[in-house]
Amino acid sequence: MRKRKRVLYRLIRFTPFAELPRRKKRDRYVSLRWKIVRDTSTYGGKFTSRLMLDEPGRPRLYKQSFDFYFLGSDGATIWNTIIHTATHEFWNRTSELASERAFSLLSQEQQTHEGGLKFEGPFMRDGEMYYRLAERVPQTYDCFGGLTLREYEKKTELEIIENEPPLIYESFKLDPLYEFGIGLHAVVEAHEINREVIERTIDRFFDVGETDWQSAHPVPREMLPVESQEAALAKVEYPSVLLGSAEHS
């Protein structure tokens, strides 16, 4: 069994971008505008990112989401964006539903055991305080037929995909609690995320008025997966040298 990576967590406090004075927002806006200009040869001039967009040899199923930044129309707003394909959103939603149903079968004590994060610490490093996530041993439950929580969630997720797939809509959802820019979660009907899809999404966001939005019609069922994300990715051949970056998709 692989050991879980030991991670140190640092307590971070910040003022959300949306609550900053307009002058500070404008300073960050201008700085990002110059970065977008400098990155035109890489991203086309409408946006920029810290990620590689067109990674050579990257399979389509590993190009289902992307993080990027673009400028608002008011001269001060930055949109800190994560874009998902409808396929990726479908997998997220089925996973959430499976988890919700599994947890509903557990007692309050069992839910606390499975849902609560236990930390070890504090530890000091370079003058800052950190906490480390404690190890957890998987536990089986009678209510799951002797399965662990994760095993039951996987079983339930497949049943949801096959028998009651959730409706997925193209949409925009804002989140004002980001440190850099205003958060924007975009769901688009596309086979993969590439520059053309991102540029089209930015144009649509401006067309709807830079606000929350949802399409009137769901993405057709035939455009969505018939298997879990784990099963689909297991079929993809992916050079091991790229697997590190694939974990961020």
Protein backbone atom coordinates (compact mmCIF):
# COMPACT_ATOMS: atom_id res chain seq x y z
CA MET A 1 0.00 0.00 0.00
CA ARG A 2 1.30 3.43 -0.89
CA LYS A 3 1.85 5.73 2.05
CA ARG A 4 -0.16 8.92 2.04
CA LYS A 5 1.99 11.96 1.40
CA ARG A 6 2.65 13.91 4.57
CA VAL A 7 1.60 17.49 3.94
CA LEU A 8 2.22 20.55 6.08
CA TYR A 9 -0.56 23.15 6.16
CA ARG A 10 0.08 26.82 6.91
CA LEU A 11 -2.59 29.11 8.34
CA ILE A 12 -3.15 31.91 5.83
CA ARG A 13 -5.23 35.05 6.26
CA PHE A 14 -5.92 37.58 3.51
CA THR A 15 -8.30 40.30 2.36
CA PRO A 16 -10.40 39.16 -0.63
CA PHE A 17 -9.70 41.05 -3.84
CA ALA A 18 -13.35 42.13 -4.04
CA GLU A 19 -12.96 44.04 -0.75
CA LEU A 20 -9.83 45.95 -1.73
CA PRO A 21 -9.93 49.71 -2.50
CA ARG A 22 -10.30 50.40 -6.21
CA ARG A 23 -6.74 51.82 -6.35
CA LYS A 24 -5.24 48.51 -5.24
CA LYS A 25 -7.48 46.60 -7.61
CA ARG A 26 -6.37 48.88 -10.43
CA ASP A 27 -2.68 48.30 -9.61
CA ARG A 28 -3.16 44.55 -9.86
CA TYR A 29 -5.25 44.98 -13.00
CA VAL A 30 -2.51 46.97 -14.76
CA SER A 31 0.14 44.48 -13.70
CA LEU A 32 -1.89 41.58 -15.08
CA ARG A 33 -2.61 43.50 -18.30
CA TRP A 34 1.12 43.76 -18.97
CA LYS A 35 1.59 40.07 -18.22
CA ILE A 36 -1.15 39.17 -20.71
CA VAL A 37 0.59 41.31 -23.31
CA ARG A 38 3.95 39.65 -22.59
CA ASP A 39 2.34 36.21 -22.83
CA THR A 40 0.55 36.88 -26.13
CA SER A 41 2.73 34.45 -28.06
CA THR A 42 1.77 31.69 -25.62
CA TYR A 43 -1.88 32.36 -24.82
CA GLY A 44 -3.08 34.63 -27.63
CA GLY A 45 -3.53 37.97 -25.85
CA LYS A 46 -6.92 37.57 -24.11
CA PHE A 47 -5.75 35.75 -20.98
CA THR A 48 -2.76 34.32 -19.18
CA SER A 49 -2.06 31.41 -16.84
CA ARG A 50 0.53 29.76 -14.64
CA LEU A 51 -0.16 26.46 -16.40
CA MET A 52 0.92 24.99 -19.72
CA LEU A 53 -2.10 25.00 -22.04
CA ASP A 54 -0.96 22.90 -24.98
CA GLU A 55 1.26 20.30 -23.36
CA PRO A 56 2.72 17.98 -26.03
CA GLY A 57 1.45 14.42 -25.78
CA ARG A 58 -1.23 15.24 -23.22
CA PRO A 59 -4.33 13.03 -23.84
CA ARG A 60 -7.74 14.69 -24.26
CA LEU A 61 -9.11 13.27 -21.01
CA TYR A 62 -6.33 15.10 -19.16
CA LYS A 63 -7.37 18.41 -20.75
CA GLN A 64 -10.78 18.72 -19.12
CA SER A 65 -10.04 21.74 -16.91
CA PHE A 66 -7.74 24.74 -16.81
CA ASP A 67 -6.97 27.75 -14.59
CA PHE A 68 -6.43 31.20 -16.13
CA TYR A 69 -6.79 34.94 -15.58
CA PHE A 70 -8.38 37.63 -17.74
CA LEU A 71 -9.38 41.27 -17.31
CA GLY A 72 -12.84 42.63 -16.62
CA SER A 73 -14.38 45.44 -18.64
CA ASP A 74 -14.41 48.01 -15.80
CA GLY A 75 -10.66 48.65 -15.70
CA ALA A 76 -10.22 47.19 -12.22
CA THR A 77 -11.61 43.65 -12.09
CA ILE A 78 -9.54 40.51 -12.57
CA TRP A 79 -11.32 37.24 -13.25
CA ASN A 80 -9.52 34.32 -11.60
CA THR A 81 -11.04 31.50 -13.59
CA ILE A 82 -11.26 27.75 -13.52
CA ILE A 83 -12.95 26.25 -16.55
CA HIS A 84 -14.32 22.71 -16.72
CA THR A 85 -15.77 20.75 -19.59
CA ALA A 86 -19.28 19.39 -19.07
CA THR A 87 -17.67 15.95 -18.85
CA HIS A 88 -15.48 17.02 -15.95
CA GLU A 89 -18.42 18.71 -14.21
CA PHE A 90 -20.52 15.54 -14.71
CA TRP A 91 -17.85 13.47 -12.97
CA ASN A 92 -17.60 16.03 -10.17
CA ARG A 93 -21.34 15.98 -9.65
CA THR A 94 -21.75 12.19 -9.70
CA SER A 95 -18.89 11.90 -7.22
CA GLU A 96 -20.55 14.47 -4.93
CA LEU A 97 -23.91 12.68 -5.10
CA ALA A 98 -22.30 9.33 -4.31
CA SER A 99 -20.50 10.84 -1.33
CA GLU A 100 -23.68 12.49 -0.04
CA ARG A 101 -25.62 9.22 -0.23
CA ALA A 102 -22.86 7.25 1.45
CA PHE A 103 -22.57 9.72 4.32
CA SER A 104 -26.34 9.68 4.84
CA LEU A 105 -26.08 6.00 5.83
CA LEU A 106 -23.48 6.63 8.53
CA SER A 107 -24.18 7.54 12.13
CA GLN A 108 -23.20 10.97 13.39
CA GLU A 109 -20.14 9.47 15.08
CA GLN A 110 -19.13 7.64 11.90
CA GLN A 111 -19.62 10.78 9.81
CA THR A 112 -17.38 12.70 12.20
CA HIS A 113 -14.72 10.01 11.94
CA GLU A 114 -14.79 9.96 8.12
CA GLY A 115 -15.42 13.63 7.44
CA GLY A 116 -13.28 15.29 10.03
CA LEU A 117 -9.67 16.14 9.32
CA LYS A 118 -7.22 15.40 12.08
CA PHE A 119 -4.00 17.34 12.20
CA GLU A 120 -0.73 16.87 14.00
CA GLY A 121 1.19 19.87 15.24
CA PRO A 122 1.79 22.70 15.33
CA PHE A 123 5.28 22.65 13.82
CA MET A 124 7.48 25.65 13.23
CA ARG A 125 9.34 26.03 9.94
CA ASP A 126 11.17 29.16 8.84
CA GLY A 127 9.39 31.11 11.56
CA GLU A 128 5.87 30.08 10.44
CA MET A 129 3.37 27.70 12.02
CA TYR A 130 2.31 24.54 10.15
CA TYR A 131 0.05 21.56 10.79
CA ARG A 132 0.35 18.07 9.29
CA LEU A 133 -2.58 15.89 8.21
CA ALA A 134 -2.70 12.78 10.39
CA GLU A 135 -2.77 9.28 8.87
CA ARG A 136 -6.17 7.53 8.66
CA VAL A 137 -6.75 3.77 8.38
CA PRO A 138 -9.71 2.85 6.05
CA GLN A 139 -12.64 1.36 7.99
CA THR A 140 -15.38 -0.99 6.75
CA TYR A 141 -19.07 -0.56 7.69
CA ASP A 142 -22.03 -2.93 7.94
CA CYS A 143 -24.28 -0.32 6.32
CA PHE A 144 -22.05 -0.52 3.24
CA GLY A 145 -22.17 -4.32 3.10
CA GLY A 146 -18.66 -4.61 4.49
CA LEU A 147 -17.17 -2.02 2.17
CA THR A 148 -15.11 1.02 3.10
CA LEU A 149 -16.51 4.48 2.50
CA ARG A 150 -14.43 4.92 -0.66
CA GLU A 151 -15.44 1.49 -2.02
CA TYR A 152 -19.13 2.21 -1.44
CA GLU A 153 -18.83 5.67 -3.01
CA LYS A 154 -17.30 4.16 -6.17
CA LYS A 155 -20.11 1.57 -6.37
CA THR A 156 -22.79 4.22 -5.86
CA GLU A 157 -21.21 6.59 -8.36
CA LEU A 158 -21.43 3.97 -11.10
CA GLU A 159 -25.10 3.31 -10.26
CA ILE A 160 -25.84 7.05 -10.52
CA ILE A 161 -24.09 7.32 -13.89
CA GLU A 162 -26.02 4.34 -15.26
CA ASN A 163 -29.47 4.92 -13.76
CA GLU A 164 -29.95 8.56 -12.79
CA PRO A 165 -27.33 10.80 -14.41
CA PRO A 166 -27.50 14.43 -13.19
CA LEU A 167 -28.30 17.28 -15.54
CA ILE A 168 -25.30 19.44 -16.42
CA TYR A 169 -25.63 23.00 -17.71
CA GLU A 170 -23.14 25.36 -19.28
CA SER A 171 -22.76 28.09 -16.69
CA PHE A 172 -20.80 30.86 -14.97
CA LYS A 173 -20.64 31.16 -11.19
CA LEU A 174 -18.84 33.96 -9.33
CA ASP A 175 -16.94 33.65 -6.04
CA PRO A 176 -15.92 36.97 -4.36
CA LEU A 177 -13.66 35.35 -1.73
CA TYR A 178 -10.49 34.96 -3.81
CA GLU A 179 -7.27 36.67 -2.79
CA PHE A 180 -6.27 37.47 -6.37
CA GLY A 181 -9.17 38.58 -8.52
CA ILE A 182 -12.78 37.44 -8.32
CA GLY A 183 -13.32 33.73 -8.67
CA LEU A 184 -15.13 32.51 -11.76
CA HIS A 185 -16.18 28.91 -12.27
CA ALA A 186 -17.12 28.17 -15.89
CA VAL A 187 -18.67 24.99 -17.28
CA VAL A 188 -18.61 24.58 -21.07
CA GLU A 189 -19.69 21.93 -23.54
CA ALA A 190 -16.42 21.00 -25.23
CA HIS A 191 -14.35 17.89 -25.85
CA GLU A 192 -11.29 19.52 -24.26
CA ILE A 193 -10.02 22.85 -22.96
CA ASN A 194 -7.83 24.70 -25.46
CA ARG A 195 -7.18 28.32 -26.44
CA GLU A 196 -10.15 28.52 -28.80
CA VAL A 197 -12.55 27.23 -26.13
CA ILE A 198 -11.18 29.66 -23.53
CA GLU A 199 -11.41 32.66 -25.86
CA ARG A 200 -14.97 31.73 -26.81
CA THR A 201 -15.86 31.38 -23.12
CA ILE A 202 -14.44 34.82 -22.30
CA ASP A 203 -16.49 36.37 -25.11
CA ARG A 204 -19.65 34.67 -23.87
CA PHE A 205 -18.98 35.84 -20.30
CA PHE A 206 -18.85 39.43 -21.53
CA ASP A 207 -22.01 38.88 -23.59
CA VAL A 208 -23.99 37.78 -20.51
CA GLY A 209 -22.79 40.83 -18.53
CA GLU A 210 -19.95 39.39 -16.40
CA THR A 211 -22.35 37.80 -13.93
CA ASP A 212 -23.76 34.46 -12.82
CA TRP A 213 -25.42 32.65 -15.70
CA GLN A 214 -26.81 29.24 -16.64
CA SER A 215 -27.93 27.94 -20.01
CA ALA A 216 -31.64 27.31 -20.42
CA HIS A 217 -30.96 23.81 -21.74
CA PRO A 218 -28.86 21.00 -20.23
CA VAL A 219 -25.97 19.40 -22.08
CA PRO A 220 -27.36 16.43 -24.09
CA ARG A 221 -26.94 13.10 -22.27
CA GLU A 222 -25.14 11.58 -25.26
CA MET A 223 -22.38 14.18 -24.82
CA LEU A 224 -21.65 13.03 -21.26
CA PRO A 225 -19.74 9.96 -19.95
CA VAL A 226 -21.20 6.50 -19.39
CA GLU A 227 -18.42 5.45 -17.01
CA SER A 228 -16.62 6.93 -14.03
CA GLN A 229 -13.62 9.20 -14.35
CA GLU A 230 -11.42 6.59 -12.71
CA ALA A 231 -12.49 3.93 -15.22
CA ALA A 232 -12.05 6.28 -18.19
CA LEU A 233 -8.57 7.43 -17.15
CA ALA A 234 -7.46 3.84 -16.53
CA LYS A 235 -7.80 3.21 -20.28
CA VAL A 236 -5.59 6.13 -21.27
CA GLU A 237 -1.93 5.60 -22.00
CA TYR A 238 -0.03 8.53 -20.57
CA PRO A 239 3.77 8.83 -20.51
CA SER A 240 4.97 8.65 -16.90
CA VAL A 241 6.99 11.84 -17.36
CA LEU A 242 3.69 13.75 -17.67
CA LEU A 243 1.79 12.13 -14.80
CA GLY A 244 2.84 14.77 -12.28
CA SER A 245 1.13 17.55 -14.20
CA ALA A 246 -1.85 15.33 -14.99
CA GLU A 247 -2.80 15.25 -11.32
CA HIS A 248 -3.80 18.93 -11.57
CA SER A 249 -6.49 18.33 -14.23
